[in-house]
Amino acid sequence: MAVQSGVSRGLITYYFRDKQQLAHELLARYLDGIAVLTNVTGTPDERLAAIIAAHCSPWTRASRSSAWSSA
């Protein structure tokens, strides 16, 4: 996981005592993001665009940065 995210293993273990705590935090953040999506307003097209942007942005940025770092 550390290699995939581009950080050292020590950095992960500094912030998370075990895999269960890390998994809990990841799930909590993911669910918080989903909860925010229920408050999106606007036309159906605007709502869909906002939901897609909010949901995909973290992964899009991560995949772009890893692609650049491996080049």
Protein backbone atom coordinates (compact mmCIF):
# COMPACT_ATOMS: atom_id res chain seq x y z
CA MET A 1 0.00 0.00 0.00
CA ALA A 2 2.82 2.39 0.80
CA VAL A 3 4.46 1.87 -2.59
CA GLN A 4 1.11 2.25 -4.38
CA SER A 5 0.41 5.55 -2.62
CA GLY A 6 3.95 6.86 -3.01
CA VAL A 7 4.78 7.19 0.69
CA SER A 8 7.08 5.33 3.04
CA ARG A 9 5.80 2.46 5.17
CA GLY A 10 6.95 4.33 8.27
CA LEU A 11 4.68 7.25 7.43
CA ILE A 12 1.65 4.95 7.33
CA THR A 13 2.55 3.22 10.59
CA TYR A 14 3.12 6.62 12.23
CA TYR A 15 -0.50 7.63 11.62
CA PHE A 16 -2.24 4.23 11.84
CA ARG A 17 -1.48 1.63 14.53
CA ASP A 18 -2.72 -1.30 12.42
CA LYS A 19 -4.50 -2.29 9.21
CA GLN A 20 -7.88 -2.21 10.91
CA GLN A 21 -7.48 1.44 11.91
CA LEU A 22 -6.33 2.33 8.39
CA ALA A 23 -9.28 0.49 6.82
CA HIS A 24 -11.69 2.17 9.25
CA GLU A 25 -10.38 5.62 8.36
CA LEU A 26 -10.54 4.94 4.62
CA LEU A 27 -14.11 3.68 4.87
CA ALA A 28 -15.15 6.61 7.07
CA ARG A 29 -13.74 9.13 4.60
CA TYR A 30 -15.37 7.35 1.68
CA LEU A 31 -18.76 7.32 3.41
CA ASP A 32 -18.40 11.00 4.37
CA GLY A 33 -17.87 11.76 0.69
CA ILE A 34 -21.00 9.85 -0.26
CA ALA A 35 -23.02 11.70 2.39
CA VAL A 36 -21.98 15.04 0.89
CA LEU A 37 -23.32 13.96 -2.49
CA THR A 38 -26.86 13.82 -1.16
CA ASN A 39 -26.80 17.62 -0.73
CA VAL A 40 -25.99 18.43 -4.38
CA THR A 41 -28.50 20.85 -5.92
CA GLY A 42 -29.20 22.18 -9.40
CA THR A 43 -30.58 20.77 -12.61
CA PRO A 44 -30.29 17.02 -13.12
CA ASP A 45 -27.33 17.57 -15.47
CA GLU A 46 -25.58 19.84 -12.95
CA ARG A 47 -26.19 17.37 -10.12
CA LEU A 48 -24.84 14.48 -12.17
CA ALA A 49 -21.75 16.46 -13.17
CA ALA A 50 -21.10 17.47 -9.55
CA ILE A 51 -21.50 13.90 -8.31
CA ILE A 52 -19.12 12.54 -10.95
CA ALA A 53 -16.57 15.27 -10.25
CA ALA A 54 -16.73 14.78 -6.49
CA HIS A 55 -16.55 11.01 -6.69
CA CYS A 56 -13.81 10.66 -9.30
CA SER A 57 -11.50 13.56 -8.46
CA PRO A 58 -9.36 11.88 -5.75
CA TRP A 59 -8.71 8.82 -7.91
CA THR A 60 -8.12 10.86 -11.04
CA ARG A 61 -5.53 13.01 -9.27
CA ALA A 62 -3.87 9.95 -7.75
CA SER A 63 -3.63 8.09 -11.06
CA ARG A 64 -2.24 11.18 -12.81
CA SER A 65 0.40 11.77 -10.15
CA SER A 66 1.52 8.12 -10.15
CA ALA A 67 1.68 8.14 -13.94
CA TRP A 68 3.92 11.21 -13.85
CA SER A 69 6.16 9.81 -11.13
CA SER A 70 6.76 6.54 -12.99
CA ALA A 71 7.67 8.28 -16.27
